[in-house]
Amino acid sequence: MKRREFLRNSLMGTAGLSLLGFPFAAQARPKNKKLVILHTNDTHSRIDPFPSDGRANGGMGGMARRASLIKQIRAKEKNVLLLDSGDIFQGTPYFNFFGGELEYKLMSQMGYDAATLGNHDFDNGLAGLQKQLPHASFPFLSANYDFSETILKDKFQPYKVFVKDELKIGVFGLGIDLQGLVGADMYGKTLYLDPVVKAKEMVKILRDEQECNLIICLSHLGYKYDTDKIDDRKLAAQVGGIDLILGGHTHTFLEKPDAIISPGGEETLINQVGWAGINLGRIDFEFSTEGKKKGYAAAVLPVHERTAISS
């Protein structure tokens, strides 16, 4: 399957990472630095694998298998960020019975570094979300939802800066307009702010003030629409300075990151790996010792019954 193939790509015309085998067995070139981004989206409370009963995606997914795969990668790589692009909740009886507690606890055990909010994460209302937040050891990043007039005031931050091997990685979150997707009583007085405007603000802060080497947007806007509705591709085309958009909402299976030329002439990568935890996305960035981005390599790692279980 093409989604399982090893993919090599490059940024700005430079050579991509020289990697051997699958998945990503080699390290960055001597004297360069390597950062590994792992990401998921739209898990929709799929704790267990899909049953192997002839249905679509049979035998795929499962949080235990994902945890094993993440553990294996971390054992080989020293600089790893694990991120999620929303819609963690809703879709199986686990959510109906436990309201999201199990999802957050398992993601915390996996060591997620950050996530953003999807529309289905509001399905038990603001009170339901508030109740589950203590079970998450990782922050939820949201730059374009204003919760100041709700019970979730000050519960979220717009961005976070991570430091890996002296590299500064700025991560911010953007959510979709909840009107029409979620009952008004579920999100209350939460205000939706223009994601393009907020993204520009985030880039200015992270690039100019925080001096980040890489900027990542966790987006639940959706990959592509044929209308004027803002999506990841439109965002990349309108906002310069974002290196990587990790998307969700549309359950899009991308075989490799999509590259969009942003204002200023640089490339913004967009990636999304389907839904239900079927795949784990991986993007390796290489930097010079001075912190300049040199290239990248990407792969979609399927989560299935052959995923090795490490001790």
Protein backbone atom coordinates (compact mmCIF):
# COMPACT_ATOMS: atom_id res chain seq x y z
CA MET A 1 0.00 0.00 0.00
CA LYS A 2 1.29 3.45 -0.87
CA ARG A 3 0.54 4.76 2.61
CA ARG A 4 3.04 2.27 3.98
CA GLU A 5 5.87 3.23 1.68
CA PHE A 6 8.87 5.20 2.85
CA LEU A 7 8.72 8.70 1.41
CA ARG A 8 11.61 11.08 0.82
CA ASN A 9 11.06 14.78 0.33
CA SER A 10 13.09 17.99 0.53
CA LEU A 11 12.51 21.60 1.48
CA MET A 12 13.44 24.63 -0.62
CA GLY A 13 15.29 22.53 -3.18
CA THR A 14 17.81 21.07 -0.72
CA ALA A 15 18.49 17.37 -0.36
CA GLY A 16 16.22 15.48 1.98
CA LEU A 17 17.43 13.42 4.90
CA SER A 18 19.64 10.51 3.98
CA LEU A 19 17.72 7.73 5.66
CA LEU A 20 18.09 4.02 5.19
CA GLY A 21 15.31 1.46 5.47
CA PHE A 22 11.94 1.76 7.17
CA PRO A 23 11.04 3.22 9.49
CA PHE A 24 13.71 5.92 9.69
CA ALA A 25 16.57 3.77 10.91
CA ALA A 26 19.40 6.24 10.41
CA GLN A 27 20.25 9.40 12.28
CA ALA A 28 20.81 12.87 10.87
CA ARG A 29 24.13 13.56 9.20
CA PRO A 30 27.05 14.15 11.57
CA LYS A 31 27.09 17.63 13.10
CA ASN A 32 23.45 18.21 12.15
CA LYS A 33 20.44 17.99 14.44
CA LYS A 34 17.35 15.84 13.99
CA LEU A 35 13.81 16.42 15.25
CA VAL A 36 11.10 13.75 15.00
CA ILE A 37 7.46 14.85 14.88
CA LEU A 38 4.85 12.15 15.54
CA HIS A 39 1.19 13.06 15.10
CA THR A 40 -2.39 11.81 15.14
CA ASN A 41 -5.82 13.28 14.44
CA ASP A 42 -9.49 12.37 14.82
CA THR A 43 -9.03 9.34 17.05
CA HIS A 44 -12.75 9.50 17.93
CA SER A 45 -12.48 7.37 21.08
CA ARG A 46 -11.19 4.37 19.13
CA ILE A 47 -9.41 2.68 22.03
CA ASP A 48 -9.45 -0.83 20.55
CA PRO A 49 -8.52 -1.92 17.03
CA PHE A 50 -11.29 -2.29 14.49
CA PRO A 51 -12.59 -5.90 14.61
CA SER A 52 -11.15 -8.23 11.97
CA ASP A 53 -14.56 -9.24 10.70
CA GLY A 54 -14.40 -8.14 7.10
CA ARG A 55 -15.28 -4.50 7.71
CA ALA A 56 -13.20 -1.62 6.40
CA ASN A 57 -10.03 -1.05 8.45
CA GLY A 58 -10.41 -4.45 10.13
CA GLY A 59 -7.51 -5.16 12.46
CA MET A 60 -6.23 -1.59 12.23
CA GLY A 61 -5.63 0.88 15.02
CA GLY A 62 -5.70 0.46 18.78
CA MET A 63 -4.12 2.67 21.43
CA ALA A 64 -1.99 -0.13 22.91
CA ARG A 65 -0.37 -0.74 19.52
CA ARG A 66 0.13 2.98 19.00
CA ALA A 67 1.78 3.23 22.40
CA SER A 68 4.12 0.38 21.49
CA LEU A 69 5.10 2.02 18.20
CA ILE A 70 5.75 5.36 19.91
CA LYS A 71 7.86 3.62 22.55
CA GLN A 72 9.98 1.97 19.87
CA ILE A 73 10.61 5.27 18.11
CA ARG A 74 11.51 7.08 21.31
CA ALA A 75 13.99 4.32 22.14
CA LYS A 76 15.87 5.18 18.94
CA GLU A 77 15.40 8.94 18.76
CA LYS A 78 16.31 11.53 21.38
CA ASN A 79 14.32 14.50 20.06
CA VAL A 80 10.65 13.55 19.66
CA LEU A 81 7.45 15.59 19.83
CA LEU A 82 4.08 13.79 19.95
CA LEU A 83 1.10 15.93 18.88
CA ASP A 84 -2.64 15.57 18.20
CA SER A 85 -4.98 17.67 16.06
CA GLY A 86 -8.29 17.18 17.81
CA ASP A 87 -11.51 15.16 17.85
CA ILE A 88 -10.17 12.88 20.52
CA PHE A 89 -13.73 12.33 21.79
CA GLN A 90 -16.85 10.63 20.39
CA GLY A 91 -17.34 7.54 18.28
CA THR A 92 -17.34 4.46 20.54
CA PRO A 93 -19.08 3.37 23.76
CA TYR A 94 -15.93 4.24 25.69
CA PHE A 95 -16.85 7.88 25.33
CA ASN A 96 -20.50 7.27 26.16
CA PHE A 97 -19.58 5.50 29.39
CA PHE A 98 -16.49 7.41 30.54
CA GLY A 99 -16.88 10.83 28.93
CA GLY A 100 -13.31 11.07 27.65
CA GLU A 101 -11.47 10.09 30.82
CA LEU A 102 -9.95 6.97 29.28
CA GLU A 103 -8.79 8.76 26.13
CA TYR A 104 -6.95 11.45 28.08
CA LYS A 105 -5.39 8.99 30.50
CA LEU A 106 -4.07 6.77 27.72
CA MET A 107 -2.69 9.72 25.76
CA SER A 108 -1.00 10.93 28.93
CA GLN A 109 0.60 7.52 29.38
CA MET A 110 1.86 7.72 25.79
CA GLY A 111 3.50 11.05 26.63
CA TYR A 112 1.67 13.38 24.29
CA ASP A 113 3.29 16.82 24.31
CA ALA A 114 0.30 18.86 23.11
CA ALA A 115 -3.07 18.71 21.35
CA THR A 116 -5.67 21.07 19.99
CA LEU A 117 -9.47 20.95 20.29
CA GLY A 118 -11.81 19.51 17.67
CA ASN A 119 -15.52 20.13 17.42
CA HIS A 120 -16.36 16.69 18.87
CA ASP A 121 -14.32 17.49 21.97
CA PHE A 122 -17.28 19.72 22.93
CA ASP A 123 -19.85 16.93 22.63
CA ASN A 124 -20.36 16.74 26.40
CA GLY A 125 -20.43 20.50 26.68
CA LEU A 126 -18.01 22.85 28.40
CA ALA A 127 -18.67 21.19 31.75
CA GLY A 128 -17.90 17.76 30.32
CA LEU A 129 -14.63 19.01 28.85
CA GLN A 130 -13.74 20.77 32.08
CA LYS A 131 -14.33 17.55 34.02
CA GLN A 132 -11.89 15.56 31.88
CA LEU A 133 -9.04 18.09 31.62
CA PRO A 134 -7.38 16.97 34.89
CA HIS A 135 -6.84 13.56 33.29
CA ALA A 136 -4.64 15.07 30.57
CA SER A 137 -0.99 15.64 31.46
CA PHE A 138 -0.46 17.60 28.23
CA PRO A 139 -1.69 21.09 27.27
CA PHE A 140 -4.46 21.88 24.79
CA LEU A 141 -3.43 24.74 22.53
CA SER A 142 -6.12 27.04 21.12
CA ALA A 143 -5.36 30.45 19.62
CA ASN A 144 -8.73 31.21 18.03
CA TYR A 145 -11.26 30.12 20.67
CA ASP A 146 -11.94 32.79 23.28
CA PHE A 147 -13.17 31.12 26.48
CA SER A 148 -12.97 34.24 28.64
CA GLU A 149 -16.75 34.33 29.26
CA THR A 150 -17.04 30.61 30.04
CA ILE A 151 -16.12 28.17 32.80
CA LEU A 152 -13.00 27.27 30.77
CA LYS A 153 -11.45 30.71 31.14
CA ASP A 154 -7.64 30.43 31.50
CA LYS A 155 -7.72 26.66 30.94
CA PHE A 156 -5.99 26.81 27.58
CA GLN A 157 -3.01 28.58 26.12
CA PRO A 158 -2.62 29.72 22.50
CA TYR A 159 0.86 28.30 22.00
CA LYS A 160 3.76 26.55 23.65
CA VAL A 161 7.48 26.53 22.90
CA PHE A 162 9.34 23.24 23.23
CA VAL A 163 13.13 22.99 23.37
CA LYS A 164 14.85 19.94 21.89
CA ASP A 165 18.64 19.82 21.51
CA GLU A 166 18.73 23.63 21.72
CA LEU A 167 16.13 23.86 18.95
CA LYS A 168 13.04 25.94 19.76
CA ILE A 169 9.80 24.55 18.34
CA GLY A 170 6.75 26.77 18.57
CA VAL A 171 3.38 25.01 18.46
CA PHE A 172 -0.03 26.71 18.33
CA GLY A 173 -3.59 25.48 17.81
CA LEU A 174 -6.52 26.50 15.62
CA GLY A 175 -10.09 25.22 15.80
CA ILE A 176 -13.00 25.15 13.36
CA ASP A 177 -16.10 27.35 13.66
CA LEU A 178 -18.36 25.44 16.06
CA GLN A 179 -21.59 27.02 14.85
CA GLY A 180 -23.61 24.44 12.96
CA LEU A 181 -21.33 21.59 14.03
CA VAL A 182 -22.00 21.62 17.77
CA GLY A 183 -25.17 22.56 19.61
CA ALA A 184 -24.97 26.14 20.85
CA ASP A 185 -25.59 24.99 24.43
CA MET A 186 -22.48 22.78 24.19
CA TYR A 187 -20.02 25.64 23.61
CA GLY A 188 -21.96 28.46 25.26
CA LYS A 189 -20.24 31.84 25.06
CA THR A 190 -17.09 30.48 23.44
CA LEU A 191 -16.08 32.94 20.72
CA TYR A 192 -14.62 31.83 17.39
CA LEU A 193 -11.88 34.16 16.17
CA ASP A 194 -10.56 34.49 12.62
CA PRO A 195 -7.96 31.71 12.25
CA VAL A 196 -5.96 33.62 9.60
CA VAL A 197 -5.64 36.67 11.83
CA LYS A 198 -4.71 34.59 14.86
CA ALA A 199 -2.22 32.51 12.88
CA LYS A 200 -0.42 35.66 11.77
CA GLU A 201 -0.27 36.79 15.38
CA MET A 202 1.14 33.43 16.47
CA VAL A 203 3.81 33.44 13.76
CA LYS A 204 4.92 36.93 14.75
CA ILE A 205 5.22 35.93 18.40
CA LEU A 206 6.90 32.60 17.77
CA ARG A 207 9.23 33.73 14.98
CA ASP A 208 10.14 37.26 16.07
CA GLU A 209 9.77 37.25 19.84
CA GLN A 210 10.43 33.61 20.76
CA GLU A 211 12.96 33.10 17.92
CA CYS A 212 11.71 29.60 17.15
CA ASN A 213 13.56 27.40 14.67
CA LEU A 214 10.34 25.64 13.61
CA ILE A 215 6.68 26.66 13.81
CA ILE A 216 3.90 24.04 13.86
CA CYS A 217 0.17 24.66 13.67
CA LEU A 218 -2.16 22.03 15.13
CA SER A 219 -5.24 22.61 13.01
CA HIS A 220 -8.77 21.26 13.19
CA LEU A 221 -9.93 23.43 10.30
CA GLY A 222 -10.00 20.65 7.72
CA TYR A 223 -7.71 19.91 4.78
CA LYS A 224 -9.57 21.29 1.75
CA TYR A 225 -12.99 22.72 0.86
CA ASP A 226 -14.39 23.80 -2.50
CA THR A 227 -16.01 26.82 -0.85
CA ASP A 228 -14.62 29.98 0.73
CA LYS A 229 -14.48 28.21 4.09
CA ILE A 230 -10.99 28.43 5.56
CA ASP A 231 -9.02 25.20 5.41
CA ASP A 232 -5.40 24.16 5.89
CA ARG A 233 -4.47 24.83 2.26
CA LYS A 234 -5.98 28.32 2.32
CA LEU A 235 -4.33 29.01 5.66
CA ALA A 236 -0.91 28.04 4.29
CA ALA A 237 -1.42 30.21 1.21
CA GLN A 238 -2.41 33.26 3.28
CA VAL A 239 -0.06 33.06 6.27
CA GLY A 240 3.69 33.02 5.88
CA GLY A 241 6.11 31.56 8.37
CA ILE A 242 4.33 28.33 9.32
CA ASP A 243 6.64 25.39 8.65
CA LEU A 244 4.15 22.59 9.27
CA ILE A 245 0.38 22.32 9.58
CA LEU A 246 -0.81 19.09 11.19
CA GLY A 247 -4.47 18.85 10.32
CA GLY A 248 -7.66 17.11 11.33
CA HIS A 249 -11.46 17.18 10.94
CA THR A 250 -11.75 15.96 7.32
CA HIS A 251 -10.27 12.48 8.02
CA THR A 252 -7.95 12.93 5.05
CA PHE A 253 -5.44 10.19 4.25
CA LEU A 254 -2.39 11.93 2.79
CA GLU A 255 0.32 9.65 1.43
CA LYS A 256 2.89 12.40 1.94
CA PRO A 257 2.83 15.99 3.17
CA ASP A 258 1.29 18.52 0.83
CA ALA A 259 3.55 21.51 0.13
CA ILE A 260 1.98 24.96 -0.34
CA ILE A 261 3.92 28.08 -1.28
CA SER A 262 3.14 30.64 1.38
CA PRO A 263 3.57 34.43 1.28
CA GLY A 264 7.29 35.08 1.10
CA GLY A 265 7.89 32.16 -1.23
CA GLU A 266 8.64 29.49 1.36
CA GLU A 267 6.95 26.11 1.62
CA THR A 268 4.44 25.20 4.29
CA LEU A 269 3.92 21.48 4.72
CA ILE A 270 0.45 20.09 5.47
CA ASN A 271 -0.12 16.58 6.77
CA GLN A 272 -3.07 14.52 8.00
CA VAL A 273 -3.20 10.76 8.63
CA GLY A 274 -6.85 9.73 8.33
CA TRP A 275 -8.76 8.94 11.50
CA ALA A 276 -9.40 6.44 14.33
CA GLY A 277 -5.73 5.91 15.11
CA ILE A 278 -5.25 3.77 12.01
CA ASN A 279 -1.98 5.56 11.25
CA LEU A 280 0.74 7.40 13.10
CA GLY A 281 2.27 10.24 11.12
CA ARG A 282 6.01 10.84 11.24
CA ILE A 283 8.04 13.75 9.91
CA ASP A 284 11.78 14.05 10.58
CA PHE A 285 13.35 17.49 10.22
CA GLU A 286 17.05 18.04 9.89
CA PHE A 287 18.72 21.23 11.09
CA SER A 288 22.24 22.60 10.89
CA THR A 289 24.16 23.03 14.12
CA GLU A 290 23.13 26.69 13.97
CA GLY A 291 19.46 25.69 13.92
CA LYS A 292 18.71 26.30 10.24
CA LYS A 293 16.16 23.96 8.70
CA LYS A 294 17.87 21.77 6.09
CA GLY A 295 15.40 19.13 4.95
CA TYR A 296 12.81 16.60 5.97
CA ALA A 297 11.62 13.03 5.44
CA ALA A 298 8.09 11.76 6.05
CA ALA A 299 6.20 8.51 6.37
CA VAL A 300 2.79 7.21 7.37
CA LEU A 301 3.19 4.38 9.87
CA PRO A 302 0.23 1.95 9.88
CA VAL A 303 -0.94 0.73 13.28
CA HIS A 304 -2.01 -2.90 12.91
CA GLU A 305 -1.67 -6.40 14.34
CA ARG A 306 1.90 -6.68 13.08
CA THR A 307 3.02 -3.67 15.06
CA ALA A 308 5.77 -5.14 17.22
CA ILE A 309 5.23 -5.12 20.95
CA SER A 310 8.32 -3.91 22.77
CA SER A 311 9.08 -4.86 26.32
